């Protein structure tokens, strides 16, 4: 990767991290609606990051 491409990827990762750790509950699912990730605010929904079914 070129340095500018690495910087762009780093910036996108930072934005995604900040958005995911927002005050809103966020669940990330796959096409089969299996929860891949849950942020700490998703406790409102009854799910937590520890309870999320991690499908890798």
C-alpha atoms as a PDB file:
ATOM      1  CA  UNK A   1       0.000   0.000   0.000  1.00  0.00           C
ATOM      2  CA  UNK A   2       1.092   3.529  -0.686  1.00  0.00           C
ATOM      3  CA  UNK A   3       1.452   5.897   2.301  1.00  0.00           C
ATOM      4  CA  UNK A   4      -1.548   7.988   1.209  1.00  0.00           C
ATOM      5  CA  UNK A   5      -3.682   4.846   0.941  1.00  0.00           C
ATOM      6  CA  UNK A   6      -2.566   3.738   4.408  1.00  0.00           C
ATOM      7  CA  UNK A   7      -3.441   7.173   5.810  1.00  0.00           C
ATOM      8  CA  UNK A   8      -6.887   7.013   4.161  1.00  0.00           C
ATOM      9  CA  UNK A   9      -7.518   3.537   5.593  1.00  0.00           C
ATOM     10  CA  UNK A  10      -6.375   4.683   9.039  1.00  0.00           C
ATOM     11  CA  UNK A  11      -8.751   7.661   8.867  1.00  0.00           C
ATOM     12  CA  UNK A  12     -11.672   5.449   7.812  1.00  0.00           C
ATOM     13  CA  UNK A  13     -10.921   3.035  10.655  1.00  0.00           C
ATOM     14  CA  UNK A  14     -10.852   5.907  13.148  1.00  0.00           C
ATOM     15  CA  UNK A  15     -14.207   7.227  11.915  1.00  0.00           C
ATOM     16  CA  UNK A  16     -15.749   3.739  12.104  1.00  0.00           C
ATOM     17  CA  UNK A  17     -14.411   3.244  15.630  1.00  0.00           C
ATOM     18  CA  UNK A  18     -15.822   6.545  16.869  1.00  0.00           C
ATOM     19  CA  UNK A  19     -19.188   5.873  15.224  1.00  0.00           C
ATOM     20  CA  UNK A  20     -19.401   2.336  16.598  1.00  0.00           C
ATOM     21  CA  UNK A  21     -18.685   3.511  20.153  1.00  0.00           C
ATOM     22  CA  UNK A  22     -21.420   6.152  20.024  1.00  0.00           C
ATOM     23  CA  UNK A  23     -24.197   6.515  22.594  1.00  0.00           C
ATOM     24  CA  UNK A  24     -26.582   4.699  20.240  1.00  0.00           C
ATOM     25  CA  UNK A  25     -26.940   0.944  20.382  1.00  0.00           C
ATOM     26  CA  UNK A  26     -25.447  -0.623  17.264  1.00  0.00           C
ATOM     27  CA  UNK A  27     -25.615  -4.252  16.203  1.00  0.00           C
ATOM     28  CA  UNK A  28     -23.763  -5.467  13.123  1.00  0.00           C
ATOM     29  CA  UNK A  29     -25.256  -8.591  11.556  1.00  0.00           C
ATOM     30  CA  UNK A  30     -24.504 -10.751   8.556  1.00  0.00           C
ATOM     31  CA  UNK A  31     -27.008 -11.597   5.815  1.00  0.00           C
ATOM     32  CA  UNK A  32     -28.464 -14.367   8.022  1.00  0.00           C
ATOM     33  CA  UNK A  33     -29.091 -11.870  10.847  1.00  0.00           C
ATOM     34  CA  UNK A  34     -26.394 -13.405  13.047  1.00  0.00           C
ATOM     35  CA  UNK A  35     -24.938 -10.705  15.288  1.00  0.00           C
ATOM     36  CA  UNK A  36     -21.285 -10.166  14.447  1.00  0.00           C
ATOM     37  CA  UNK A  37     -20.612  -7.181  16.713  1.00  0.00           C
ATOM     38  CA  UNK A  38     -22.475  -5.170  19.348  1.00  0.00           C
ATOM     39  CA  UNK A  39     -21.241  -1.941  20.860  1.00  0.00           C
ATOM     40  CA  UNK A  40     -21.436  -1.186  24.578  1.00  0.00           C
ATOM     41  CA  UNK A  41     -24.535   1.004  24.125  1.00  0.00           C
ATOM     42  CA  UNK A  42     -26.514  -1.896  22.658  1.00  0.00           C
ATOM     43  CA  UNK A  43     -27.401  -3.006  26.195  1.00  0.00           C
ATOM     44  CA  UNK A  44     -30.561  -0.988  25.576  1.00  0.00           C
ATOM     45  CA  UNK A  45     -31.600  -3.754  23.168  1.00  0.00           C
ATOM     46  CA  UNK A  46     -30.740  -6.514  25.629  1.00  0.00           C
ATOM     47  CA  UNK A  47     -27.604  -7.530  23.764  1.00  0.00           C
ATOM     48  CA  UNK A  48     -24.048  -6.911  24.813  1.00  0.00           C
ATOM     49  CA  UNK A  49     -20.728  -7.335  23.065  1.00  0.00           C
ATOM     50  CA  UNK A  50     -20.063 -10.372  25.264  1.00  0.00           C
ATOM     51  CA  UNK A  51     -23.414 -12.000  24.360  1.00  0.00           C
ATOM     52  CA  UNK A  52     -23.125 -11.382  20.633  1.00  0.00           C
ATOM     53  CA  UNK A  53     -22.781 -14.487  18.498  1.00  0.00           C
ATOM     54  CA  UNK A  54     -19.465 -13.994  16.780  1.00  0.00           C
ATOM     55  CA  UNK A  55     -19.553 -15.632  13.359  1.00  0.00           C
ATOM     56  CA  UNK A  56     -16.114 -15.684  11.831  1.00  0.00           C
END
